[in-house]
Each structure stands twice: as C-alpha cells, then as structure tokens.
C-alpha cells in the first residue's frame, strides 16, 4: 500500500500593495480560500498566511514595545541585519506591504496551485510560483521566518 507523504510549499507572491488595509483585505480573501480548500480536503493540511511590511534583509520579530495593558503597540523588534561588517542599523519598515504564504500537509501541492489560480484571477500579469520545502528543517525555518516577519498572521 502506498504511504501518504506530508509536504510543504512556500508560495512566492511578488505583489506589493499600496496600503496595509488593502493587503489585509487580500489576506482575508486568501484565508477564506484556504478555509474552503481545507473543508474539501479529507486529510490534515495547514495554511500559514502573513502580512509583512519589513524587508527580508532584516532579522527580528514582531512584538510589543511595552505591555498591551499599558498601551503598547505591536511593532518590529530588530535583532540584526544581514550585513557583512557587523554594523547594526535601525530597521526600515517603509517596505510596501506584501504577503507570505505557506501550505503544509498531505495535498499541499494541489492546494498551493489552487491558491495561485485564485491570485492570478485578480492579477494575471504577476508571476507566481511555489517553492517546495523538502526537509522538516526547511519547513521549520520558513515557518519561523513568516512568524517573525509578519505584522498580521493568519493560521488555517
């Protein structure tokens, strides 16, 4: 009998949005698509969608500058930047809002294709692609990357 294999895909979405509100609207639309795909799927599958305003050259995480009960706002807390001279610089969060999407589980490839089809309907001129994450280590790294970069995170 054939053994079912879990796999994961990171979707490359080249779109840059004009505002966070516009990007969040698209994020919620894609979340609804993912919910419909999950209901159709008999097997266990998870979707991770994130909205980021931080360039990928920065390492850090989203967190609160002070406790929420004291009026703290969620913002990017930089730990370092990928530069060779070791110099630390204040992160630039002026990057246009963009989306990070990961699909993990049995049937991830076909679900990733359906998400890409859904994105192509509204923006047919963009070049979307899916990147296969072959090892559990790579899946963990990508999950951590999305969680650290995203100001808004949706799990399905």
N, C-alpha and C. Protein backbone atom coordinates (compact mmCIF):
# COMPACT_ATOMS: atom_id res chain seq x y z
N UNK A 1 0.84 -1.19 0.00
CA UNK A 1 0.00 0.00 0.00
C UNK A 1 0.88 1.25 0.00
N UNK A 2 0.50 2.24 -0.76
CA UNK A 2 1.27 3.48 -0.83
C UNK A 2 1.14 4.27 0.46
N UNK A 3 2.27 4.84 0.89
CA UNK A 3 2.29 5.66 2.09
C UNK A 3 2.08 7.11 1.70
N UNK A 4 1.22 7.81 2.43
CA UNK A 4 0.97 9.22 2.15
C UNK A 4 2.13 10.04 2.69
N UNK A 5 2.54 11.02 1.92
CA UNK A 5 3.69 11.83 2.29
C UNK A 5 3.25 13.26 2.57
N UNK A 6 3.65 13.76 3.74
CA UNK A 6 3.40 15.17 4.04
C UNK A 6 4.45 16.00 3.32
N UNK A 7 4.06 17.13 2.84
CA UNK A 7 4.97 18.02 2.15
C UNK A 7 4.56 19.46 2.43
N UNK A 8 5.40 20.40 2.04
CA UNK A 8 5.08 21.81 2.27
C UNK A 8 5.57 22.64 1.09
N UNK A 9 4.87 23.75 0.87
CA UNK A 9 5.22 24.67 -0.21
C UNK A 9 5.15 26.10 0.31
N UNK A 10 6.13 26.90 -0.11
CA UNK A 10 6.14 28.33 0.16
C UNK A 10 5.75 29.01 -1.13
N UNK A 11 4.71 29.84 -1.10
CA UNK A 11 4.23 30.50 -2.31
C UNK A 11 4.89 31.86 -2.45
N UNK A 12 5.48 32.09 -3.61
CA UNK A 12 6.13 33.38 -3.89
C UNK A 12 5.09 34.31 -4.50
N UNK A 13 4.75 35.34 -3.75
CA UNK A 13 3.77 36.33 -4.19
C UNK A 13 4.50 37.65 -4.43
N UNK A 14 4.74 38.03 -5.68
CA UNK A 14 5.52 39.24 -5.97
C UNK A 14 4.76 40.55 -5.81
N UNK A 15 3.47 40.48 -5.51
CA UNK A 15 2.68 41.72 -5.43
C UNK A 15 3.09 42.57 -4.23
N UNK A 16 3.12 43.88 -4.45
CA UNK A 16 3.32 44.86 -3.38
C UNK A 16 2.06 45.71 -3.34
N UNK A 17 1.54 45.94 -2.15
CA UNK A 17 0.28 46.66 -2.00
C UNK A 17 0.53 48.12 -1.64
N UNK A 18 -0.46 48.97 -1.95
CA UNK A 18 -0.34 50.40 -1.67
C UNK A 18 -0.52 50.71 -0.19
N UNK A 19 -1.35 49.93 0.50
CA UNK A 19 -1.60 50.19 1.92
C UNK A 19 -1.76 48.88 2.68
N UNK A 20 -1.62 48.96 3.99
CA UNK A 20 -1.79 47.79 4.84
C UNK A 20 -3.24 47.31 4.78
N UNK A 21 -4.18 48.25 4.70
CA UNK A 21 -5.60 47.89 4.65
C UNK A 21 -5.91 47.07 3.39
N UNK A 22 -5.36 47.49 2.27
CA UNK A 22 -5.56 46.78 1.01
C UNK A 22 -4.94 45.38 1.09
N UNK A 23 -3.75 45.28 1.67
CA UNK A 23 -3.08 43.99 1.81
C UNK A 23 -3.84 43.08 2.77
N UNK A 24 -4.37 43.66 3.86
CA UNK A 24 -5.12 42.85 4.82
C UNK A 24 -6.41 42.33 4.20
N UNK A 25 -7.03 43.12 3.34
CA UNK A 25 -8.24 42.68 2.63
C UNK A 25 -7.92 41.47 1.75
N UNK A 26 -6.80 41.52 1.04
CA UNK A 26 -6.37 40.39 0.20
C UNK A 26 -6.00 39.18 1.07
N UNK A 27 -5.37 39.43 2.21
CA UNK A 27 -5.00 38.36 3.14
C UNK A 27 -6.26 37.64 3.64
N UNK A 28 -7.27 38.40 3.99
CA UNK A 28 -8.53 37.80 4.46
C UNK A 28 -9.24 37.03 3.35
N UNK A 29 -9.15 37.53 2.11
CA UNK A 29 -9.74 36.83 0.97
C UNK A 29 -9.05 35.48 0.76
N UNK A 30 -7.71 35.50 0.83
CA UNK A 30 -6.96 34.25 0.67
C UNK A 30 -7.21 33.30 1.83
N UNK A 31 -7.42 33.84 3.02
CA UNK A 31 -7.75 33.00 4.18
C UNK A 31 -9.07 32.27 3.92
N UNK A 32 -10.05 32.97 3.35
CA UNK A 32 -11.34 32.35 3.03
C UNK A 32 -11.16 31.24 1.99
N UNK A 33 -10.29 31.48 1.01
CA UNK A 33 -9.97 30.44 0.01
C UNK A 33 -9.38 29.22 0.70
N UNK A 34 -8.46 29.46 1.63
CA UNK A 34 -7.81 28.36 2.36
C UNK A 34 -8.80 27.59 3.22
N UNK A 35 -9.74 28.29 3.83
CA UNK A 35 -10.77 27.62 4.64
C UNK A 35 -11.61 26.70 3.75
N UNK A 36 -11.99 27.18 2.57
CA UNK A 36 -12.76 26.34 1.64
C UNK A 36 -11.96 25.12 1.19
N UNK A 37 -10.67 25.32 0.91
CA UNK A 37 -9.82 24.20 0.50
C UNK A 37 -9.67 23.18 1.63
N UNK A 38 -9.54 23.66 2.85
CA UNK A 38 -9.37 22.76 4.00
C UNK A 38 -10.64 21.93 4.22
N UNK A 39 -11.81 22.53 4.01
CA UNK A 39 -13.06 21.80 4.18
C UNK A 39 -13.20 20.70 3.13
N UNK A 40 -12.72 20.95 1.91
CA UNK A 40 -12.79 19.95 0.84
C UNK A 40 -11.80 18.81 1.07
N UNK A 41 -10.71 19.10 1.75
CA UNK A 41 -9.62 18.15 1.95
C UNK A 41 -9.98 17.15 3.05
N UNK A 42 -9.82 15.86 2.78
CA UNK A 42 -10.07 14.85 3.80
C UNK A 42 -8.90 14.74 4.78
N UNK A 43 -7.72 15.06 4.31
CA UNK A 43 -6.51 14.91 5.12
C UNK A 43 -6.20 16.19 5.89
N UNK A 44 -5.26 16.07 6.82
CA UNK A 44 -4.85 17.21 7.64
C UNK A 44 -3.92 18.12 6.83
N UNK A 45 -4.29 19.38 6.72
CA UNK A 45 -3.48 20.35 5.99
C UNK A 45 -3.55 21.67 6.74
N UNK A 46 -2.44 22.41 6.76
CA UNK A 46 -2.42 23.70 7.45
C UNK A 46 -1.92 24.78 6.49
N UNK A 47 -2.43 25.98 6.70
CA UNK A 47 -2.05 27.14 5.91
C UNK A 47 -1.53 28.20 6.87
N UNK A 48 -0.47 28.87 6.48
CA UNK A 48 0.09 29.97 7.26
C UNK A 48 0.19 31.17 6.34
N UNK A 49 -0.53 32.23 6.66
CA UNK A 49 -0.54 33.44 5.84
C UNK A 49 -0.09 34.61 6.70
N UNK A 50 0.82 35.40 6.17
CA UNK A 50 1.31 36.55 6.92
C UNK A 50 1.40 37.78 6.05
N UNK A 51 1.17 38.94 6.68
CA UNK A 51 1.31 40.23 6.01
C UNK A 51 2.52 40.92 6.62
N UNK A 52 3.46 41.31 5.79
CA UNK A 52 4.71 41.90 6.28
C UNK A 52 4.92 43.28 5.67
N UNK A 53 5.51 44.16 6.48
CA UNK A 53 5.92 45.48 5.99
C UNK A 53 7.41 45.66 6.19
N UNK A 54 8.11 44.56 6.43
CA UNK A 54 9.54 44.59 6.71
C UNK A 54 10.29 43.89 5.60
N UNK A 55 11.40 44.46 5.18
CA UNK A 55 12.23 43.85 4.14
C UNK A 55 12.84 42.55 4.66
N UNK A 56 13.03 41.58 3.78
CA UNK A 56 13.57 40.28 4.19
C UNK A 56 15.03 40.34 4.59
N UNK A 57 15.71 41.47 4.40
CA UNK A 57 17.11 41.57 4.81
C UNK A 57 17.25 41.77 6.32
N UNK A 58 16.15 41.99 7.03
CA UNK A 58 16.19 42.21 8.47
C UNK A 58 15.81 40.94 9.22
N UNK A 59 16.54 40.66 10.30
CA UNK A 59 16.17 39.59 11.23
C UNK A 59 15.50 40.25 12.41
N UNK A 60 14.50 39.64 12.95
CA UNK A 60 13.83 40.18 14.11
C UNK A 60 12.51 39.49 14.30
N UNK A 61 11.64 40.11 15.06
CA UNK A 61 10.33 39.53 15.28
C UNK A 61 9.35 40.63 15.58
N UNK A 62 8.08 40.30 15.44
CA UNK A 62 7.03 41.24 15.80
C UNK A 62 6.78 41.07 17.29
N UNK A 63 6.65 42.19 17.98
CA UNK A 63 6.40 42.14 19.41
C UNK A 63 5.87 43.48 19.89
N UNK A 64 5.62 43.56 21.17
CA UNK A 64 5.10 44.79 21.76
C UNK A 64 6.23 45.57 22.39
N UNK A 65 6.28 46.89 22.14
CA UNK A 65 7.33 47.73 22.70
C UNK A 65 7.16 47.88 24.21
N UNK A 66 5.93 47.81 24.70
CA UNK A 66 5.63 47.75 26.13
C UNK A 66 4.35 46.94 26.28
N UNK A 67 3.99 46.51 27.48
CA UNK A 67 2.82 45.64 27.62
C UNK A 67 1.55 46.24 27.00
N UNK A 68 0.71 45.34 26.45
CA UNK A 68 -0.53 45.78 25.82
C UNK A 68 -1.42 46.53 26.80
N UNK A 69 -1.40 46.12 28.08
CA UNK A 69 -2.24 46.77 29.08
C UNK A 69 -1.82 48.22 29.33
N UNK A 70 -0.58 48.54 28.97
CA UNK A 70 -0.07 49.91 29.14
C UNK A 70 -0.08 50.67 27.82
N UNK A 71 -0.82 50.18 26.85
CA UNK A 71 -0.94 50.87 25.57
C UNK A 71 0.17 50.54 24.58
N UNK A 72 0.82 49.40 24.76
CA UNK A 72 1.89 49.01 23.85
C UNK A 72 1.36 48.70 22.46
N UNK A 73 2.13 49.08 21.46
CA UNK A 73 1.75 48.82 20.07
C UNK A 73 2.63 47.71 19.51
N UNK A 74 2.06 46.90 18.65
CA UNK A 74 2.82 45.83 18.02
C UNK A 74 3.72 46.45 16.96
N UNK A 75 5.01 46.13 17.02
CA UNK A 75 5.95 46.67 16.04
C UNK A 75 7.10 45.69 15.85
N UNK A 76 7.90 45.95 14.84
CA UNK A 76 9.03 45.09 14.52
C UNK A 76 10.19 45.38 15.47
N UNK A 77 10.70 44.34 16.13
CA UNK A 77 11.85 44.48 17.02
C UNK A 77 13.02 43.81 16.32
N UNK A 78 13.98 44.63 15.92
CA UNK A 78 15.10 44.15 15.11
C UNK A 78 16.17 43.55 16.01
N UNK A 79 16.68 42.39 15.63
CA UNK A 79 17.81 41.82 16.35
C UNK A 79 19.10 42.03 15.56
N UNK A 80 19.04 41.94 14.25
CA UNK A 80 20.21 42.20 13.42
C UNK A 80 19.82 42.31 11.96
N UNK A 81 20.76 42.77 11.17
CA UNK A 81 20.55 42.89 9.73
C UNK A 81 21.62 42.05 9.04
N UNK A 82 21.30 41.49 7.90
CA UNK A 82 22.27 40.69 7.15
C UNK A 82 23.27 41.60 6.45
N UNK A 83 24.28 42.05 7.17
CA UNK A 83 25.35 42.84 6.55
C UNK A 83 26.67 42.27 7.02
N UNK A 84 27.71 42.46 6.23
CA UNK A 84 28.98 41.79 6.48
C UNK A 84 29.84 42.47 7.54
N UNK A 85 29.73 43.78 7.72
CA UNK A 85 30.62 44.46 8.65
C UNK A 85 30.13 44.43 10.09
N UNK A 86 29.00 43.78 10.36
CA UNK A 86 28.51 43.65 11.72
C UNK A 86 27.83 44.89 12.27
N UNK A 87 27.68 45.90 11.45
CA UNK A 87 27.06 47.15 11.87
C UNK A 87 25.56 46.95 12.07
N UNK A 88 25.02 47.53 13.16
CA UNK A 88 23.58 47.42 13.42
C UNK A 88 22.91 48.74 13.05
N UNK A 89 21.83 48.62 12.36
CA UNK A 89 21.12 49.79 11.85
C UNK A 89 19.65 49.66 12.22
N UNK A 90 18.97 50.77 12.44
CA UNK A 90 17.54 50.74 12.74
C UNK A 90 16.79 50.23 11.51
N UNK A 91 15.86 49.28 11.70
CA UNK A 91 15.17 48.70 10.55
C UNK A 91 14.23 49.68 9.87
N UNK A 92 14.12 49.50 8.58
CA UNK A 92 13.21 50.32 7.79
C UNK A 92 11.92 49.54 7.61
N UNK A 93 10.83 50.06 8.13
CA UNK A 93 9.54 49.39 7.97
C UNK A 93 8.69 50.12 6.93
N UNK A 94 9.37 50.81 6.02
CA UNK A 94 8.66 51.50 4.95
C UNK A 94 8.48 50.62 3.71
N UNK A 95 8.84 49.38 3.82
CA UNK A 95 8.67 48.42 2.73
C UNK A 95 7.18 48.31 2.40
N UNK A 96 6.81 48.29 1.12
CA UNK A 96 5.39 48.14 0.79
C UNK A 96 4.85 46.82 1.35
N UNK A 97 3.61 46.80 1.83
CA UNK A 97 3.04 45.57 2.38
C UNK A 97 3.05 44.45 1.34
N UNK A 98 3.40 43.26 1.79
CA UNK A 98 3.42 42.09 0.92
C UNK A 98 3.02 40.86 1.73
N UNK A 99 2.72 39.76 1.04
CA UNK A 99 2.20 38.56 1.70
C UNK A 99 3.19 37.41 1.66
N UNK A 100 3.17 36.61 2.74
CA UNK A 100 3.92 35.36 2.81
C UNK A 100 2.88 34.25 3.00
N UNK A 101 2.99 33.17 2.22
CA UNK A 101 2.02 32.08 2.30
C UNK A 101 2.76 30.75 2.31
N UNK A 102 2.37 29.86 3.25
CA UNK A 102 2.93 28.52 3.29
C UNK A 102 1.80 27.51 3.45
N UNK A 103 1.88 26.42 2.71
CA UNK A 103 0.90 25.34 2.77
C UNK A 103 1.65 24.08 3.18
N UNK A 104 1.14 23.39 4.22
CA UNK A 104 1.83 22.20 4.71
C UNK A 104 0.83 21.08 4.96
N UNK A 105 1.19 19.86 4.55
CA UNK A 105 0.36 18.70 4.79
C UNK A 105 0.14 17.89 3.52
N UNK A 106 -0.64 16.84 3.66
CA UNK A 106 -0.94 15.99 2.51
C UNK A 106 -1.83 16.75 1.54
N UNK A 107 -1.46 16.79 0.28
CA UNK A 107 -2.22 17.52 -0.73
C UNK A 107 -1.83 18.98 -0.83
N UNK A 108 -0.67 19.34 -0.26
CA UNK A 108 -0.24 20.74 -0.25
C UNK A 108 0.02 21.27 -1.66
N UNK A 109 0.52 20.42 -2.54
CA UNK A 109 0.84 20.85 -3.90
C UNK A 109 -0.40 21.32 -4.64
N UNK A 110 -1.46 20.52 -4.61
CA UNK A 110 -2.68 20.91 -5.33
C UNK A 110 -3.35 22.11 -4.67
N UNK A 111 -3.29 22.20 -3.34
CA UNK A 111 -3.85 23.38 -2.66
C UNK A 111 -3.06 24.63 -3.01
N UNK A 112 -1.74 24.51 -3.10
CA UNK A 112 -0.90 25.65 -3.48
C UNK A 112 -1.25 26.12 -4.89
N UNK A 113 -1.47 25.17 -5.79
CA UNK A 113 -1.86 25.52 -7.16
C UNK A 113 -3.20 26.25 -7.19
N UNK A 114 -4.14 25.81 -6.38
CA UNK A 114 -5.46 26.46 -6.34
C UNK A 114 -5.35 27.88 -5.78
N UNK A 115 -4.49 28.08 -4.79
CA UNK A 115 -4.29 29.43 -4.23
C UNK A 115 -3.67 30.33 -5.30
N UNK A 116 -2.69 29.80 -6.03
CA UNK A 116 -2.05 30.57 -7.10
C UNK A 116 -3.08 30.92 -8.18
N UNK A 117 -3.94 29.97 -8.54
CA UNK A 117 -5.01 30.24 -9.52
C UNK A 117 -5.91 31.37 -9.03
N UNK A 118 -6.23 31.35 -7.75
CA UNK A 118 -7.08 32.39 -7.17
C UNK A 118 -6.40 33.75 -7.22
N UNK A 119 -5.10 33.79 -6.98
CA UNK A 119 -4.36 35.06 -7.04
C UNK A 119 -4.25 35.55 -8.47
N UNK A 120 -4.13 34.63 -9.43
CA UNK A 120 -4.00 35.02 -10.84
C UNK A 120 -5.27 35.64 -11.40
N UNK A 121 -6.41 35.30 -10.81
CA UNK A 121 -7.68 35.86 -11.29
C UNK A 121 -7.70 37.38 -11.15
N UNK A 122 -7.17 37.88 -10.04
CA UNK A 122 -7.21 39.33 -9.83
C UNK A 122 -5.98 40.04 -10.40
N UNK A 123 -4.85 39.34 -10.49
CA UNK A 123 -3.62 39.94 -11.03
C UNK A 123 -2.96 38.96 -12.01
N UNK A 124 -3.47 38.85 -13.24
CA UNK A 124 -2.94 37.86 -14.18
C UNK A 124 -1.53 38.18 -14.68
N UNK A 125 -1.07 39.42 -14.53
CA UNK A 125 0.24 39.80 -15.05
C UNK A 125 1.39 39.43 -14.12
N UNK A 126 1.12 39.09 -12.86
CA UNK A 126 2.19 38.74 -11.91
C UNK A 126 2.66 37.31 -12.12
N UNK A 127 3.92 37.06 -11.82
CA UNK A 127 4.49 35.72 -11.95
C UNK A 127 4.54 35.06 -10.57
N UNK A 128 3.57 34.21 -10.30
CA UNK A 128 3.50 33.49 -9.03
C UNK A 128 4.22 32.16 -9.18
N UNK A 129 4.77 31.66 -8.09
CA UNK A 129 5.40 30.35 -8.13
C UNK A 129 5.33 29.72 -6.75
N UNK A 130 5.55 28.41 -6.71
CA UNK A 130 5.59 27.71 -5.43
C UNK A 130 6.96 27.06 -5.28
N UNK A 131 7.47 27.13 -4.08
CA UNK A 131 8.79 26.58 -3.78
C UNK A 131 8.60 25.39 -2.85
N UNK A 132 9.08 24.22 -3.26
CA UNK A 132 8.93 23.01 -2.46
C UNK A 132 9.91 23.03 -1.30
N UNK A 133 9.41 22.81 -0.09
CA UNK A 133 10.25 22.74 1.10
C UNK A 133 10.48 21.26 1.39
N UNK A 134 11.69 20.79 1.10
CA UNK A 134 11.94 19.35 1.07
C UNK A 134 12.20 18.71 2.43
N UNK A 135 12.75 19.45 3.38
CA UNK A 135 13.10 18.85 4.67
C UNK A 135 12.29 19.48 5.79
N UNK A 136 12.19 18.74 6.90
CA UNK A 136 11.48 19.26 8.08
C UNK A 136 12.19 20.50 8.62
N UNK A 137 13.52 20.52 8.51
CA UNK A 137 14.29 21.68 8.97
C UNK A 137 13.94 22.92 8.15
N UNK A 138 13.83 22.75 6.85
CA UNK A 138 13.50 23.88 5.96
C UNK A 138 12.07 24.38 6.23
N UNK A 139 11.16 23.45 6.52
CA UNK A 139 9.79 23.83 6.86
C UNK A 139 9.77 24.65 8.15
N UNK A 140 10.54 24.21 9.15
CA UNK A 140 10.61 24.94 10.42
C UNK A 140 11.22 26.33 10.23
N UNK A 141 12.26 26.43 9.40
CA UNK A 141 12.88 27.73 9.13
C UNK A 141 11.91 28.68 8.45
N UNK A 142 11.17 28.18 7.47
CA UNK A 142 10.21 29.01 6.75
C UNK A 142 9.07 29.46 7.65
N UNK A 143 8.59 28.55 8.49
CA UNK A 143 7.54 28.90 9.45
C UNK A 143 8.01 29.99 10.39
N UNK A 144 9.22 29.84 10.91
CA UNK A 144 9.78 30.84 11.82
C UNK A 144 9.96 32.18 11.11
N UNK A 145 10.43 32.14 9.86
CA UNK A 145 10.62 33.36 9.07
C UNK A 145 9.30 34.11 8.91
N UNK A 146 8.24 33.40 8.53
CA UNK A 146 6.94 34.03 8.33
C UNK A 146 6.42 34.61 9.65
N UNK A 147 6.56 33.85 10.74
CA UNK A 147 6.08 34.32 12.04
C UNK A 147 6.84 35.56 12.50
N UNK A 148 8.14 35.61 12.25
CA UNK A 148 8.96 36.74 12.71
C UNK A 148 8.75 37.98 11.84
N UNK A 149 8.50 37.81 10.56
CA UNK A 149 8.39 38.95 9.65
C UNK A 149 6.99 39.57 9.63
N UNK A 150 5.98 38.81 9.98
CA UNK A 150 4.60 39.25 9.74
C UNK A 150 4.05 40.12 10.85
N UNK A 151 3.41 41.21 10.46
CA UNK A 151 2.69 42.06 11.41
C UNK A 151 1.31 41.49 11.67
N UNK A 152 0.73 40.85 10.66
CA UNK A 152 -0.58 40.20 10.79
C UNK A 152 -0.39 38.75 10.35
N UNK A 153 -0.82 37.82 11.20
CA UNK A 153 -0.62 36.40 10.94
C UNK A 153 -1.96 35.68 10.98
N UNK A 154 -2.22 34.85 9.99
CA UNK A 154 -3.44 34.05 9.95
C UNK A 154 -3.06 32.58 9.79
N UNK A 155 -3.63 31.74 10.64
CA UNK A 155 -3.43 30.29 10.55
C UNK A 155 -4.77 29.64 10.24
N UNK A 156 -4.74 28.69 9.31
CA UNK A 156 -5.96 27.96 8.96
C UNK A 156 -5.65 26.49 9.13
